[in-house]
Each structure stands twice: as C-alpha cells, then as structure tokens.
Amino acid sequence: MTGSGRPLIRGTRIVHEGWARFLVAEIRMPDGSAATREIEDHGRAVAVLPYDPGRRVALLVRQFRAPACFADGTEAVLEVPAGLLDEDDPAVCARREAFEEVGLRLPVLDHVGQAWSMPGLSTERMDLYLAPYGADDRTAAGGGLADEHEHLEVVELPLADLAAMADRGALRDMKSLCLVQTLRLRRPELFAADGPAGADAGALG
C-alpha cells in the first residue's frame, strides 16, 4: 500500500460523552500504515489577562483543578480568567468570563492570537487577550458562578511579582504564563519593581 503523502482521519468512535467528548480516531499515516489517536473534544476557549497600567497590578483567580491535584497533589492553580466559548464572538466570551470571575467590565481587549492548548490530545483552540482596566471598571466581586461550583479566589498581584513568578517557574498555568510574558514584551515598563502597587496587593473579597 503506497502512502498519500499526508495523514488522513478515516473515522472516529466516541468512547465517552459528558462535559467533553473522548474519541478514538482511526488514522492512515503518510506511509500508508494504520494508527489510532485519542482525542478530547470540548471546543474553543478564551483567556484574558486584565491589568491596571496605572497601579501596575493584574487580577487573576486561584482555584482547585482536579487534574492538577490528581497529578501531583496541587491544591490550587493561579490562572488568568478563562472559559469555554459559549458565544460566537470570543471577545464577548472574554468579557463575560472577566466579569464572572474577577468582577471586571473590560472596555478594551487586545487580541494576542489564537493557539492550540494541547494539540497532541485536545481540540481546544484558545483566543488570548490582554485587557487594560481602571479602578472604575471593577463593578462586582467576581468569584465565579456558584451553580457551577467554581469557588474562585480573586487575587490582585503586582505585575513585578508575576514576572518574578514566571522567572522562577512558579507560574505553572500555561495560558497565564504566555499572557504575562507577552505583556512583558509589549509593556516592559509596567513590570518595574518600584511600581505604585506596593505591598497592598493580594487576595480580594
């Protein structure tokens, strides 16, 4: 059997369907051989890093993640606001997630790009945003949706602290690391350690 020069999905079967679907795909490889690949399918997502350029702080959330806890006992993960794309417009979704999770009305969104989160396993494509805000834009407490058992802790951190966490490998969520490093490249002046945020930043109610 000769190869076609490119892989081809010949068919799939669903092995689990819940919050996400899990499929097994039958693949014809470029050399004509057969292989199977497992696929987790839950669709597109968004993530946004809200930052206050005047105070040089950002709003994130800390939450329990069952896979991280299962893998190594991690009790909570520090992350930027994020969620699945329920709307057609990812910018609308990003604004909704920011309001639900950290209580922000975001006037401006800067689209960084779209990336595969884990292309070896998942269909998730994530639209990534940076979003400047001011004090007047925080109109609610945030914390996530109670009916979805999110129980999010809203955390305000100096951007300089986030940079230090990234440098020492303590910012362990990939989308958050990507957005923090992108903001560092675009606005390095916001990460000066002598910014006005000082020691007042921390967990918010």
N, C-alpha and C. Protein backbone atom coordinates (compact mmCIF):
# COMPACT_ATOMS: atom_id res chain seq x y z
N MET A 1 0.85 -1.19 0.00
CA MET A 1 0.00 0.00 0.00
C MET A 1 0.89 1.24 0.00
N THR A 2 0.67 2.12 -0.94
CA THR A 2 1.51 3.32 -1.04
C THR A 2 0.93 4.44 -0.21
N GLY A 3 1.81 5.33 0.27
CA GLY A 3 1.36 6.46 1.07
C GLY A 3 0.80 7.58 0.22
N SER A 4 -0.04 8.40 0.83
CA SER A 4 -0.66 9.53 0.15
C SER A 4 0.13 10.81 0.33
N GLY A 5 1.15 10.77 1.19
CA GLY A 5 1.92 11.98 1.47
C GLY A 5 1.38 12.81 2.61
N ARG A 6 0.22 12.47 3.13
CA ARG A 6 -0.34 13.21 4.26
C ARG A 6 -1.20 12.27 5.09
N PRO A 7 -1.33 12.54 6.40
CA PRO A 7 -2.19 11.69 7.22
C PRO A 7 -3.66 11.97 6.94
N LEU A 8 -4.50 10.98 7.20
CA LEU A 8 -5.93 11.10 6.94
C LEU A 8 -6.71 10.42 8.06
N ILE A 9 -7.69 11.13 8.63
CA ILE A 9 -8.59 10.52 9.60
C ILE A 9 -9.66 9.75 8.84
N ARG A 10 -9.66 8.45 8.98
CA ARG A 10 -10.60 7.59 8.24
C ARG A 10 -11.93 7.47 8.96
N GLY A 11 -11.93 7.69 10.25
CA GLY A 11 -13.17 7.59 11.02
C GLY A 11 -12.89 7.76 12.50
N THR A 12 -13.94 8.00 13.28
CA THR A 12 -13.80 8.14 14.74
C THR A 12 -14.94 7.40 15.43
N ARG A 13 -14.68 7.05 16.68
CA ARG A 13 -15.75 6.50 17.52
C ARG A 13 -15.70 7.18 18.87
N ILE A 14 -16.87 7.48 19.42
CA ILE A 14 -16.97 8.15 20.72
C ILE A 14 -16.91 7.10 21.83
N VAL A 15 -16.01 7.29 22.79
CA VAL A 15 -15.89 6.35 23.91
C VAL A 15 -16.43 6.95 25.20
N HIS A 16 -16.62 8.26 25.23
CA HIS A 16 -17.24 8.91 26.40
C HIS A 16 -17.81 10.24 25.95
N GLU A 17 -18.99 10.60 26.48
CA GLU A 17 -19.58 11.90 26.17
C GLU A 17 -20.18 12.48 27.45
N GLY A 18 -19.62 13.60 27.90
CA GLY A 18 -20.09 14.32 29.08
C GLY A 18 -19.80 15.79 28.90
N TRP A 19 -19.12 16.41 29.90
CA TRP A 19 -18.69 17.80 29.71
C TRP A 19 -17.83 17.91 28.46
N ALA A 20 -17.03 16.91 28.21
CA ALA A 20 -16.24 16.82 26.97
C ALA A 20 -16.49 15.46 26.35
N ARG A 21 -16.17 15.36 25.08
CA ARG A 21 -16.24 14.07 24.39
C ARG A 21 -14.84 13.49 24.26
N PHE A 22 -14.74 12.20 24.38
CA PHE A 22 -13.49 11.50 24.13
C PHE A 22 -13.70 10.54 22.97
N LEU A 23 -12.83 10.68 21.98
CA LEU A 23 -12.96 9.89 20.77
C LEU A 23 -11.67 9.12 20.50
N VAL A 24 -11.81 8.05 19.75
CA VAL A 24 -10.66 7.35 19.19
C VAL A 24 -10.74 7.50 17.67
N ALA A 25 -9.69 8.06 17.09
CA ALA A 25 -9.64 8.28 15.65
C ALA A 25 -8.79 7.21 14.99
N GLU A 26 -9.27 6.70 13.86
CA GLU A 26 -8.51 5.75 13.04
C GLU A 26 -7.78 6.56 11.96
N ILE A 27 -6.46 6.49 11.97
CA ILE A 27 -5.63 7.33 11.11
C ILE A 27 -4.92 6.49 10.05
N ARG A 28 -4.89 7.00 8.82
CA ARG A 28 -3.98 6.46 7.81
C ARG A 28 -2.78 7.39 7.76
N MET A 29 -1.63 6.89 8.08
CA MET A 29 -0.42 7.68 8.14
C MET A 29 0.13 7.93 6.74
N PRO A 30 1.06 8.91 6.59
CA PRO A 30 1.60 9.22 5.26
C PRO A 30 2.23 8.03 4.52
N ASP A 31 2.76 7.06 5.28
CA ASP A 31 3.37 5.90 4.62
C ASP A 31 2.35 4.80 4.33
N GLY A 32 1.06 5.07 4.63
CA GLY A 32 0.02 4.10 4.36
C GLY A 32 -0.31 3.20 5.53
N SER A 33 0.46 3.25 6.59
CA SER A 33 0.18 2.42 7.76
C SER A 33 -1.01 2.96 8.55
N ALA A 34 -1.60 2.11 9.39
CA ALA A 34 -2.75 2.49 10.21
C ALA A 34 -2.31 2.78 11.64
N ALA A 35 -2.98 3.74 12.26
CA ALA A 35 -2.70 4.08 13.65
C ALA A 35 -3.97 4.60 14.29
N THR A 36 -4.00 4.62 15.60
CA THR A 36 -5.13 5.22 16.33
C THR A 36 -4.62 6.37 17.18
N ARG A 37 -5.47 7.37 17.36
CA ARG A 37 -5.15 8.52 18.22
C ARG A 37 -6.38 8.85 19.07
N GLU A 38 -6.13 9.18 20.34
CA GLU A 38 -7.22 9.57 21.24
C GLU A 38 -7.39 11.09 21.20
N ILE A 39 -8.65 11.54 21.19
CA ILE A 39 -8.96 12.97 21.07
C ILE A 39 -9.94 13.37 22.17
N GLU A 40 -9.59 14.41 22.90
CA GLU A 40 -10.52 15.04 23.84
C GLU A 40 -11.12 16.24 23.13
N ASP A 41 -12.44 16.34 23.11
CA ASP A 41 -13.11 17.37 22.31
C ASP A 41 -14.09 18.17 23.16
N HIS A 42 -13.74 19.44 23.43
CA HIS A 42 -14.72 20.33 24.09
C HIS A 42 -14.80 21.69 23.42
N GLY A 43 -14.14 21.86 22.28
CA GLY A 43 -14.32 23.08 21.53
C GLY A 43 -13.36 24.20 21.92
N ARG A 44 -13.71 25.42 21.48
CA ARG A 44 -12.83 26.57 21.64
C ARG A 44 -12.96 27.18 23.04
N ALA A 45 -11.98 28.03 23.38
CA ALA A 45 -11.94 28.67 24.69
C ALA A 45 -11.28 30.04 24.56
N VAL A 46 -11.34 30.80 25.65
CA VAL A 46 -10.71 32.12 25.70
C VAL A 46 -9.96 32.27 27.01
N ALA A 47 -9.00 33.16 27.04
CA ALA A 47 -8.30 33.54 28.27
C ALA A 47 -7.92 35.00 28.16
N VAL A 48 -7.97 35.72 29.28
CA VAL A 48 -7.68 37.15 29.26
C VAL A 48 -6.89 37.53 30.51
N LEU A 49 -5.86 38.34 30.31
CA LEU A 49 -5.09 38.89 31.43
C LEU A 49 -5.51 40.35 31.64
N PRO A 50 -6.32 40.64 32.66
CA PRO A 50 -6.69 42.02 32.96
C PRO A 50 -5.60 42.68 33.81
N TYR A 51 -5.14 43.85 33.37
CA TYR A 51 -4.08 44.53 34.11
C TYR A 51 -4.39 46.02 34.20
N ASP A 52 -4.03 46.60 35.34
CA ASP A 52 -4.22 48.03 35.58
C ASP A 52 -2.88 48.72 35.33
N PRO A 53 -2.73 49.44 34.23
CA PRO A 53 -1.43 50.04 33.92
C PRO A 53 -1.05 51.17 34.85
N GLY A 54 -2.03 51.78 35.50
CA GLY A 54 -1.72 52.86 36.44
C GLY A 54 -1.15 52.34 37.75
N ARG A 55 -1.76 51.29 38.27
CA ARG A 55 -1.31 50.72 39.55
C ARG A 55 -0.33 49.57 39.35
N ARG A 56 -0.15 49.13 38.11
CA ARG A 56 0.77 48.05 37.77
C ARG A 56 0.43 46.75 38.50
N VAL A 57 -0.83 46.40 38.44
CA VAL A 57 -1.30 45.15 39.04
C VAL A 57 -2.14 44.40 38.02
N ALA A 58 -2.41 43.14 38.30
CA ALA A 58 -3.28 42.33 37.46
C ALA A 58 -4.25 41.56 38.36
N LEU A 59 -5.40 41.19 37.79
CA LEU A 59 -6.38 40.39 38.51
C LEU A 59 -6.39 38.98 37.95
N LEU A 60 -6.18 38.00 38.82
CA LEU A 60 -6.21 36.60 38.45
C LEU A 60 -7.12 35.86 39.43
N VAL A 61 -7.25 34.57 39.24
CA VAL A 61 -8.01 33.75 40.17
C VAL A 61 -7.17 32.56 40.60
N ARG A 62 -7.45 32.09 41.80
CA ARG A 62 -6.84 30.85 42.29
C ARG A 62 -7.97 29.86 42.50
N GLN A 63 -7.82 28.65 41.91
CA GLN A 63 -8.91 27.69 42.00
C GLN A 63 -8.40 26.26 42.02
N PHE A 64 -9.23 25.38 42.56
CA PHE A 64 -8.95 23.95 42.57
C PHE A 64 -9.11 23.40 41.16
N ARG A 65 -8.14 22.61 40.73
CA ARG A 65 -8.20 21.92 39.45
C ARG A 65 -7.97 20.43 39.69
N ALA A 66 -8.99 19.62 39.44
CA ALA A 66 -8.90 18.19 39.74
C ALA A 66 -7.74 17.50 39.03
N PRO A 67 -7.48 17.77 37.72
CA PRO A 67 -6.35 17.09 37.09
C PRO A 67 -5.01 17.42 37.72
N ALA A 68 -4.80 18.69 38.10
CA ALA A 68 -3.54 19.07 38.74
C ALA A 68 -3.41 18.41 40.11
N CYS A 69 -4.52 18.34 40.83
CA CYS A 69 -4.50 17.68 42.14
C CYS A 69 -4.21 16.19 41.98
N PHE A 70 -4.82 15.58 40.98
CA PHE A 70 -4.58 14.16 40.72
C PHE A 70 -3.13 13.90 40.34
N ALA A 71 -2.54 14.80 39.55
CA ALA A 71 -1.19 14.57 39.04
C ALA A 71 -0.14 14.66 40.13
N ASP A 72 -0.22 15.69 40.98
CA ASP A 72 0.85 15.85 41.98
C ASP A 72 0.38 16.44 43.29
N GLY A 73 -0.92 16.45 43.53
CA GLY A 73 -1.43 16.95 44.80
C GLY A 73 -1.60 18.46 44.87
N THR A 74 -1.43 19.17 43.75
CA THR A 74 -1.60 20.62 43.73
C THR A 74 -3.00 20.99 44.23
N GLU A 75 -3.05 21.88 45.23
CA GLU A 75 -4.33 22.23 45.83
C GLU A 75 -5.07 23.31 45.06
N ALA A 76 -4.35 24.22 44.43
CA ALA A 76 -4.99 25.30 43.68
C ALA A 76 -4.01 25.82 42.63
N VAL A 77 -4.56 26.33 41.54
CA VAL A 77 -3.76 26.86 40.44
C VAL A 77 -4.08 28.34 40.26
N LEU A 78 -3.05 29.16 40.15
CA LEU A 78 -3.22 30.58 39.87
C LEU A 78 -3.35 30.75 38.36
N GLU A 79 -4.45 31.39 37.92
CA GLU A 79 -4.74 31.48 36.50
C GLU A 79 -5.35 32.83 36.15
N VAL A 80 -5.22 33.20 34.88
CA VAL A 80 -5.98 34.33 34.36
C VAL A 80 -7.43 33.87 34.14
N PRO A 81 -8.39 34.80 34.11
CA PRO A 81 -9.77 34.41 33.78
C PRO A 81 -9.85 33.72 32.43
N ALA A 82 -10.63 32.66 32.37
CA ALA A 82 -10.72 31.86 31.14
C ALA A 82 -11.99 31.04 31.17
N GLY A 83 -12.37 30.56 29.99
CA GLY A 83 -13.55 29.71 29.92
C GLY A 83 -13.82 29.24 28.52
N LEU A 84 -14.82 28.36 28.40
CA LEU A 84 -15.20 27.83 27.10
C LEU A 84 -16.00 28.85 26.32
N LEU A 85 -15.89 28.76 25.02
CA LEU A 85 -16.56 29.69 24.12
C LEU A 85 -18.02 29.27 23.97
N ASP A 86 -18.92 29.97 24.67
CA ASP A 86 -20.35 29.72 24.54
C ASP A 86 -20.97 30.62 23.48
N GLU A 87 -20.33 31.75 23.20
CA GLU A 87 -20.82 32.69 22.20
C GLU A 87 -20.07 32.49 20.88
N ASP A 88 -20.59 33.12 19.82
CA ASP A 88 -19.89 33.06 18.54
C ASP A 88 -18.65 33.94 18.54
N ASP A 89 -18.68 35.03 19.31
CA ASP A 89 -17.60 36.01 19.32
C ASP A 89 -16.71 35.76 20.54
N PRO A 90 -15.44 35.39 20.34
CA PRO A 90 -14.57 35.14 21.50
C PRO A 90 -14.36 36.37 22.38
N ALA A 91 -14.42 37.59 21.81
CA ALA A 91 -14.27 38.79 22.62
C ALA A 91 -15.43 38.94 23.60
N VAL A 92 -16.64 38.60 23.16
CA VAL A 92 -17.80 38.63 24.05
C VAL A 92 -17.61 37.64 25.19
N CYS A 93 -17.10 36.47 24.86
CA CYS A 93 -16.84 35.44 25.86
C CYS A 93 -15.78 35.90 26.86
N ALA A 94 -14.72 36.53 26.37
CA ALA A 94 -13.65 37.00 27.26
C ALA A 94 -14.20 38.03 28.25
N ARG A 95 -15.04 38.94 27.78
CA ARG A 95 -15.63 39.94 28.68
C ARG A 95 -16.55 39.28 29.71
N ARG A 96 -17.31 38.28 29.28
CA ARG A 96 -18.20 37.57 30.22
C ARG A 96 -17.38 36.86 31.30
N GLU A 97 -16.33 36.16 30.88
CA GLU A 97 -15.52 35.44 31.86
C GLU A 97 -14.86 36.40 32.84
N ALA A 98 -14.37 37.54 32.35
CA ALA A 98 -13.74 38.52 33.24
C ALA A 98 -14.73 39.05 34.26
N PHE A 99 -15.97 39.26 33.85
CA PHE A 99 -16.97 39.76 34.80
C PHE A 99 -17.33 38.69 35.81
N GLU A 100 -17.57 37.47 35.35
CA GLU A 100 -17.96 36.40 36.25
C GLU A 100 -16.85 36.05 37.24
N GLU A 101 -15.61 36.05 36.78
CA GLU A 101 -14.52 35.54 37.60
C GLU A 101 -13.87 36.61 38.47
N VAL A 102 -13.68 37.83 37.93
CA VAL A 102 -13.00 38.86 38.73
C VAL A 102 -13.79 40.15 38.84
N GLY A 103 -15.03 40.17 38.35
CA GLY A 103 -15.90 41.32 38.55
C GLY A 103 -15.57 42.54 37.71
N LEU A 104 -14.92 42.34 36.56
CA LEU A 104 -14.48 43.46 35.73
C LEU A 104 -15.35 43.64 34.50
N ARG A 105 -15.66 44.90 34.20
CA ARG A 105 -16.19 45.28 32.89
C ARG A 105 -15.00 45.77 32.08
N LEU A 106 -14.64 45.04 31.04
CA LEU A 106 -13.44 45.37 30.29
C LEU A 106 -13.78 46.26 29.10
N PRO A 107 -13.30 47.50 29.09
CA PRO A 107 -13.60 48.39 27.98
C PRO A 107 -12.79 48.10 26.73
N VAL A 108 -11.59 47.54 26.89
CA VAL A 108 -10.68 47.33 25.76
C VAL A 108 -10.11 45.91 25.84
N LEU A 109 -10.08 45.25 24.69
CA LEU A 109 -9.44 43.94 24.58
C LEU A 109 -8.40 43.99 23.48
N ASP A 110 -7.22 43.49 23.78
CA ASP A 110 -6.13 43.40 22.81
C ASP A 110 -5.92 41.93 22.48
N HIS A 111 -6.29 41.54 21.26
CA HIS A 111 -6.22 40.13 20.87
C HIS A 111 -4.77 39.76 20.58
N VAL A 112 -4.22 38.87 21.39
CA VAL A 112 -2.83 38.43 21.22
C VAL A 112 -2.72 37.41 20.09
N GLY A 113 -3.70 36.52 20.01
CA GLY A 113 -3.67 35.49 18.99
C GLY A 113 -4.49 34.29 19.42
N GLN A 114 -4.45 33.26 18.61
CA GLN A 114 -5.16 32.01 18.89
C GLN A 114 -4.15 30.88 18.86
N ALA A 115 -4.24 29.98 19.84
CA ALA A 115 -3.27 28.90 19.93
C ALA A 115 -3.94 27.60 20.36
N TRP A 116 -3.37 26.49 19.89
CA TRP A 116 -3.81 25.18 20.38
C TRP A 116 -3.27 25.00 21.80
N SER A 117 -4.13 24.63 22.73
CA SER A 117 -3.70 24.46 24.12
C SER A 117 -2.87 23.19 24.31
N MET A 118 -3.33 22.09 23.73
CA MET A 118 -2.64 20.80 23.88
C MET A 118 -2.93 19.98 22.63
N PRO A 119 -2.28 20.30 21.49
CA PRO A 119 -2.67 19.72 20.21
C PRO A 119 -2.45 18.23 20.08
N GLY A 120 -1.65 17.65 20.97
CA GLY A 120 -1.46 16.22 20.93
C GLY A 120 -2.63 15.42 21.46
N LEU A 121 -3.57 16.10 22.14
CA LEU A 121 -4.69 15.40 22.75
C LEU A 121 -6.03 16.09 22.53
N SER A 122 -6.05 17.44 22.64
CA SER A 122 -7.31 18.17 22.73
C SER A 122 -7.58 19.02 21.50
N THR A 123 -8.88 19.20 21.20
CA THR A 123 -9.30 20.10 20.12
C THR A 123 -9.35 21.56 20.56
N GLU A 124 -9.02 21.85 21.81
CA GLU A 124 -9.18 23.22 22.31
C GLU A 124 -8.27 24.20 21.59
N ARG A 125 -8.88 25.24 20.98
CA ARG A 125 -8.17 26.40 20.44
C ARG A 125 -8.55 27.59 21.31
N MET A 126 -7.56 28.29 21.81
CA MET A 126 -7.80 29.35 22.79
C MET A 126 -7.44 30.71 22.21
N ASP A 127 -8.40 31.63 22.25
CA ASP A 127 -8.13 33.03 21.92
C ASP A 127 -7.60 33.72 23.16
N LEU A 128 -6.46 34.39 23.01
CA LEU A 128 -5.75 35.00 24.13
C LEU A 128 -5.84 36.52 24.03
N TYR A 129 -6.14 37.17 25.17
CA TYR A 129 -6.32 38.61 25.20
C TYR A 129 -5.55 39.25 26.35
N LEU A 130 -5.06 40.46 26.12
CA LEU A 130 -4.64 41.38 27.17
C LEU A 130 -5.71 42.45 27.30
N ALA A 131 -5.95 42.92 28.52
CA ALA A 131 -7.04 43.88 28.71
C ALA A 131 -6.70 44.88 29.81
N PRO A 132 -6.39 46.12 29.43
CA PRO A 132 -6.17 47.16 30.45
C PRO A 132 -7.50 47.55 31.10
N TYR A 133 -7.43 47.90 32.38
CA TYR A 133 -8.63 48.35 33.09
C TYR A 133 -8.23 49.39 34.12
N GLY A 134 -9.23 50.08 34.65
CA GLY A 134 -9.02 51.03 35.73
C GLY A 134 -9.90 50.69 36.92
N ALA A 135 -9.76 51.44 38.00
CA ALA A 135 -10.49 51.14 39.23
C ALA A 135 -12.00 51.15 39.02
N ASP A 136 -12.49 52.04 38.16
CA ASP A 136 -13.93 52.14 37.94
C ASP A 136 -14.51 50.96 37.18
N ASP A 137 -13.64 50.14 36.57
CA ASP A 137 -14.12 49.00 35.79
C ASP A 137 -14.44 47.79 36.65
N ARG A 138 -14.01 47.80 37.91
CA ARG A 138 -14.34 46.67 38.80
C ARG A 138 -15.67 46.97 39.47
N THR A 139 -16.71 46.33 38.97
CA THR A 139 -18.08 46.64 39.40
C THR A 139 -18.74 45.51 40.18
N ALA A 140 -18.05 44.39 40.37
CA ALA A 140 -18.59 43.25 41.12
C ALA A 140 -17.46 42.52 41.81
N ALA A 141 -17.84 41.59 42.69
CA ALA A 141 -16.83 40.87 43.47
C ALA A 141 -16.15 39.77 42.67
N GLY A 142 -16.84 39.22 41.67
CA GLY A 142 -16.28 38.08 40.95
C GLY A 142 -16.38 36.81 41.78
N GLY A 143 -15.52 35.87 41.51
CA GLY A 143 -15.53 34.62 42.27
C GLY A 143 -16.15 33.45 41.53
N GLY A 144 -16.66 33.68 40.32
CA GLY A 144 -17.24 32.58 39.55
C GLY A 144 -18.70 32.35 39.84
N LEU A 145 -19.25 31.34 39.19
CA LEU A 145 -20.67 31.02 39.31
C LEU A 145 -20.88 29.92 40.35
N ALA A 146 -21.74 30.21 41.32
CA ALA A 146 -21.98 29.24 42.39
C ALA A 146 -22.60 27.95 41.86
N ASP A 147 -23.48 28.08 40.84
CA ASP A 147 -24.15 26.87 40.34
C ASP A 147 -23.21 25.97 39.54
N GLU A 148 -22.02 26.47 39.23
CA GLU A 148 -21.01 25.64 38.58
C GLU A 148 -19.90 25.23 39.54
N HIS A 149 -20.10 25.52 40.85
CA HIS A 149 -19.16 25.12 41.91
C HIS A 149 -17.74 25.60 41.62
N GLU A 150 -17.63 26.86 41.16
CA GLU A 150 -16.30 27.35 40.79
C GLU A 150 -15.48 27.77 42.01
N HIS A 151 -16.08 28.50 42.97
CA HIS A 151 -15.40 28.86 44.22
C HIS A 151 -14.01 29.47 43.96
N LEU A 152 -13.97 30.50 43.16
CA LEU A 152 -12.71 31.12 42.78
C LEU A 152 -12.29 32.17 43.81
N GLU A 153 -11.01 32.19 44.12
CA GLU A 153 -10.44 33.26 44.94
C GLU A 153 -9.84 34.30 44.00
N VAL A 154 -10.35 35.53 44.09
CA VAL A 154 -9.84 36.61 43.25
C VAL A 154 -8.55 37.14 43.88
N VAL A 155 -7.50 37.24 43.07
CA VAL A 155 -6.19 37.63 43.57
C VAL A 155 -5.66 38.80 42.74
N GLU A 156 -5.30 39.87 43.43
CA GLU A 156 -4.65 41.01 42.77
C GLU A 156 -3.16 40.96 43.09
N LEU A 157 -2.34 40.97 42.03
CA LEU A 157 -0.90 40.84 42.21
C LEU A 157 -0.17 41.94 41.44
N PRO A 158 0.90 42.48 42.01
CA PRO A 158 1.74 43.39 41.23
C PRO A 158 2.31 42.67 40.01
N LEU A 159 2.38 43.37 38.90
CA LEU A 159 2.96 42.77 37.70
C LEU A 159 4.41 42.35 37.92
N ALA A 160 5.13 43.09 38.73
CA ALA A 160 6.51 42.70 39.04
C ALA A 160 6.56 41.35 39.73
N ASP A 161 5.58 41.07 40.59
CA ASP A 161 5.53 39.77 41.25
C ASP A 161 5.23 38.65 40.26
N LEU A 162 4.33 38.92 39.31
CA LEU A 162 4.03 37.92 38.29
C LEU A 162 5.25 37.62 37.44
N ALA A 163 6.02 38.66 37.10
CA ALA A 163 7.25 38.45 36.34
C ALA A 163 8.23 37.60 37.12
N ALA A 164 8.37 37.87 38.41
CA ALA A 164 9.28 37.09 39.25
C ALA A 164 8.83 35.64 39.34
N MET A 165 7.51 35.43 39.45
CA MET A 165 6.99 34.06 39.47
C MET A 165 7.31 33.34 38.17
N ALA A 166 7.13 34.03 37.04
CA ALA A 166 7.45 33.42 35.75
C ALA A 166 8.93 33.06 35.67
N ASP A 167 9.79 33.93 36.16
CA ASP A 167 11.23 33.70 36.06
C ASP A 167 11.70 32.52 36.91
N ARG A 168 11.04 32.29 38.03
CA ARG A 168 11.47 31.18 38.89
C ARG A 168 10.64 29.91 38.69
N GLY A 169 9.77 29.91 37.67
CA GLY A 169 9.00 28.72 37.35
C GLY A 169 7.81 28.48 38.25
N ALA A 170 7.33 29.53 38.92
CA ALA A 170 6.22 29.37 39.86
C ALA A 170 4.87 29.69 39.23
N LEU A 171 4.85 30.21 38.01
CA LEU A 171 3.59 30.46 37.31
C LEU A 171 3.35 29.26 36.40
N ARG A 172 2.56 28.31 36.90
CA ARG A 172 2.53 26.98 36.32
C ARG A 172 1.39 26.75 35.32
N ASP A 173 0.52 27.72 35.15
CA ASP A 173 -0.54 27.60 34.17
C ASP A 173 -0.06 28.17 32.84
N MET A 174 -0.15 27.37 31.77
CA MET A 174 0.46 27.74 30.50
C MET A 174 -0.13 29.01 29.90
N LYS A 175 -1.46 29.13 29.87
CA LYS A 175 -2.07 30.30 29.26
C LYS A 175 -1.71 31.57 30.02
N SER A 176 -1.62 31.46 31.34
CA SER A 176 -1.27 32.61 32.16
C SER A 176 0.19 33.01 31.94
N LEU A 177 1.06 32.02 31.87
CA LEU A 177 2.48 32.29 31.60
C LEU A 177 2.64 32.97 30.24
N CYS A 178 1.93 32.48 29.24
CA CYS A 178 2.01 33.06 27.90
C CYS A 178 1.57 34.52 27.90
N LEU A 179 0.48 34.83 28.58
CA LEU A 179 -0.03 36.19 28.57
C LEU A 179 0.84 37.13 29.40
N VAL A 180 1.35 36.67 30.52
CA VAL A 180 2.25 37.51 31.31
C VAL A 180 3.51 37.84 30.52
N GLN A 181 4.08 36.84 29.89
CA GLN A 181 5.30 37.08 29.12
C GLN A 181 5.04 37.97 27.90
N THR A 182 3.88 37.84 27.29
CA THR A 182 3.53 38.72 26.18
C THR A 182 3.42 40.16 26.64
N LEU A 183 2.77 40.38 27.79
CA LEU A 183 2.66 41.74 28.31
C LEU A 183 4.03 42.29 28.68
N ARG A 184 4.92 41.45 29.19
CA ARG A 184 6.29 41.91 29.49
C ARG A 184 7.01 42.38 28.24
N LEU A 185 6.80 41.68 27.13
CA LEU A 185 7.45 42.08 25.89
C LEU A 185 6.87 43.39 25.35
N ARG A 186 5.57 43.55 25.50
CA ARG A 186 4.91 44.72 24.92
C ARG A 186 4.99 45.95 25.82
N ARG A 187 4.93 45.73 27.13
CA ARG A 187 4.91 46.86 28.07
C ARG A 187 5.90 46.62 29.20
N PRO A 188 7.18 46.54 28.92
CA PRO A 188 8.16 46.21 29.96
C PRO A 188 8.19 47.22 31.11
N GLU A 189 7.82 48.45 30.83
CA GLU A 189 7.86 49.49 31.88
C GLU A 189 6.87 49.21 33.00
N LEU A 190 5.85 48.40 32.76
CA LEU A 190 4.85 48.11 33.79
C LEU A 190 5.35 47.12 34.83
N PHE A 191 6.47 46.49 34.58
CA PHE A 191 6.96 45.42 35.45
C PHE A 191 8.09 45.89 36.37
N ALA A 192 8.33 47.17 36.44
CA ALA A 192 9.35 47.69 37.36
C ALA A 192 8.96 47.37 38.79
N ALA A 193 9.94 46.93 39.57
CA ALA A 193 9.66 46.51 40.94
C ALA A 193 9.24 47.66 41.84
N ASP A 194 9.52 48.90 41.46
CA ASP A 194 9.17 50.05 42.28
C ASP A 194 7.86 50.69 41.86
N GLY A 195 6.96 49.88 41.24
CA GLY A 195 5.67 50.41 40.81
C GLY A 195 4.81 50.82 41.98
N PRO A 196 3.73 51.55 41.73
CA PRO A 196 2.90 52.09 42.80
C PRO A 196 2.03 51.11 43.53
N ALA A 197 1.98 49.83 43.06
CA ALA A 197 1.08 48.88 43.71
C ALA A 197 1.54 48.58 45.12
N GLY A 198 2.85 48.47 45.33
CA GLY A 198 3.39 48.23 46.66
C GLY A 198 2.95 46.93 47.26
N ALA A 199 2.88 46.92 48.58
CA ALA A 199 2.57 45.69 49.32
C ALA A 199 1.10 45.53 49.59
N ASP A 200 0.23 46.41 49.04
CA ASP A 200 -1.19 46.34 49.32
C ASP A 200 -1.90 45.28 48.50
N ALA A 201 -1.24 44.79 47.44
CA ALA A 201 -1.91 43.83 46.57
C ALA A 201 -2.01 42.49 47.25
N GLY A 202 -3.07 41.75 46.91
CA GLY A 202 -3.27 40.42 47.49
C GLY A 202 -4.65 39.92 47.20
N ALA A 203 -5.12 38.96 47.99
CA ALA A 203 -6.44 38.39 47.79
C ALA A 203 -7.50 39.45 48.03
N LEU A 204 -8.52 39.41 47.19
CA LEU A 204 -9.62 40.36 47.29
C LEU A 204 -10.89 39.64 47.67
N GLY A 205 -11.75 40.35 48.31
CA GLY A 205 -13.03 39.75 48.66
C GLY A 205 -14.03 39.89 47.55
